Amino acid sequence: MSERIVVALGGNALGNTPEEQLKLVQQTARTLVDLSEAGYQVVVGHGNGPQVGMINLAMEFSANNGGKTPFMPFPECGAMSQGYIG
C-alpha cells in the first residue's frame, strides 16, 4: 500500500477573487497531481472560512439594501460555499 499524504488547504489557499482562485488552484492542482503520480494517496481538506465570510457579507448586504434576499446564517453560507467548491 502506498503512503498517504493529507494536504490541508487553509481558507486563503484558494484566493479571494475568481481570477486569483483560478491561478492558485492551477498551481495547487499541479502539485497534487505530481504527488499522486509519485505514488502517494492524496487526501485534500479545506478550511473554507474566508469564502463563508464573503458569502455571508454578500447575503447580508443584499438583504439590507433592497436585494430582496433573506439573511443567511453562517451554517447555510458554509453549505453554499461547499457546493460552490464541489
Protein backbone atom coordinates (compact mmCIF):
# COMPACT_ATOMS: atom_id res chain seq x y z
CA MET A 1 0.00 0.00 0.00
CA SER A 2 1.30 3.46 -0.87
CA GLU A 3 1.87 6.21 1.65
CA ARG A 4 -0.99 8.62 2.30
CA ILE A 5 -0.45 12.36 2.39
CA VAL A 6 -3.06 14.69 3.87
CA VAL A 7 -2.98 18.17 2.36
CA ALA A 8 -4.84 20.79 4.41
CA LEU A 9 -5.51 23.89 2.35
CA GLY A 10 -6.34 26.87 4.52
CA GLY A 11 -9.29 29.02 3.55
CA ASN A 12 -6.99 31.61 1.98
CA ALA A 13 -5.28 28.97 -0.19
CA LEU A 14 -7.90 29.43 -2.89
CA GLY A 15 -7.63 33.22 -3.12
CA ASN A 16 -10.17 35.99 -2.81
CA THR A 17 -11.23 36.69 -6.40
CA PRO A 18 -12.22 34.32 -9.22
CA GLU A 19 -9.06 35.23 -11.13
CA GLU A 20 -6.83 34.64 -8.10
CA GLN A 21 -8.64 31.39 -7.33
CA LEU A 22 -8.07 30.06 -10.85
CA LYS A 23 -4.35 30.85 -10.72
CA LEU A 24 -3.87 29.32 -7.26
CA VAL A 25 -5.98 26.23 -7.99
CA GLN A 26 -3.98 25.50 -11.15
CA GLN A 27 -0.73 25.74 -9.20
CA THR A 28 -2.06 23.59 -6.35
CA ALA A 29 -3.53 21.02 -8.74
CA ARG A 30 -0.15 20.57 -10.45
CA THR A 31 1.48 19.82 -7.09
CA LEU A 32 -1.28 17.37 -6.12
CA VAL A 33 -1.01 15.57 -9.47
CA ASP A 34 2.77 15.30 -9.04
CA LEU A 35 2.28 13.71 -5.62
CA SER A 36 -0.29 11.30 -7.00
CA GLU A 37 1.91 10.36 -9.95
CA ALA A 38 4.76 9.74 -7.49
CA GLY A 39 2.58 7.02 -5.95
CA TYR A 40 1.13 8.79 -2.92
CA GLN A 41 -2.51 8.58 -1.90
CA VAL A 42 -3.54 12.23 -1.60
CA VAL A 43 -6.33 13.40 0.72
CA VAL A 44 -7.31 17.09 0.49
CA GLY A 45 -9.10 19.13 3.17
CA HIS A 46 -10.09 22.79 3.06
CA GLY A 47 -10.67 25.36 5.80
CA ASN A 48 -13.31 27.40 3.94
CA GLY A 49 -13.51 30.30 6.43
CA PRO A 50 -12.86 33.30 4.16
CA GLN A 51 -15.23 32.01 1.49
CA VAL A 52 -18.04 31.53 4.02
CA GLY A 53 -17.41 35.02 5.37
CA MET A 54 -17.55 36.51 1.87
CA ILE A 55 -20.86 34.78 1.12
CA ASN A 56 -22.28 35.87 4.47
CA LEU A 57 -21.32 39.51 3.89
CA ALA A 58 -22.78 39.47 0.37
CA MET A 59 -26.06 37.97 1.58
CA GLU A 60 -26.27 40.45 4.46
CA PHE A 61 -25.55 43.38 2.13
CA SER A 62 -28.22 42.22 -0.29
CA ALA A 63 -30.79 41.64 2.48
CA ASN A 64 -30.17 45.12 3.93
CA ASN A 65 -30.02 47.03 0.64
CA GLY A 66 -33.15 46.11 -1.29
CA GLY A 67 -31.88 42.88 -2.82
CA LYS A 68 -35.00 41.03 -1.68
CA THR A 69 -32.87 38.16 -0.36
CA PRO A 70 -33.18 36.73 3.14
CA PHE A 71 -30.39 36.98 5.67
CA MET A 72 -28.37 33.74 5.58
CA PRO A 73 -26.82 32.41 8.81
CA PHE A 74 -23.26 31.02 8.76
CA PRO A 75 -24.24 27.31 8.54
CA GLU A 76 -26.20 27.95 5.34
CA CYS A 77 -23.36 30.07 3.95
CA GLY A 78 -20.98 27.20 4.74
CA ALA A 79 -23.19 24.80 2.81
CA MET A 80 -23.32 27.23 -0.12
CA SER A 81 -19.54 27.51 -0.15
CA GLN A 82 -19.09 23.73 -0.10
CA GLY A 83 -21.49 23.42 -3.00
CA TYR A 84 -19.58 26.05 -4.99
CA ILE A 85 -16.26 24.26 -4.35
CA GLY A 86 -17.81 20.90 -5.30
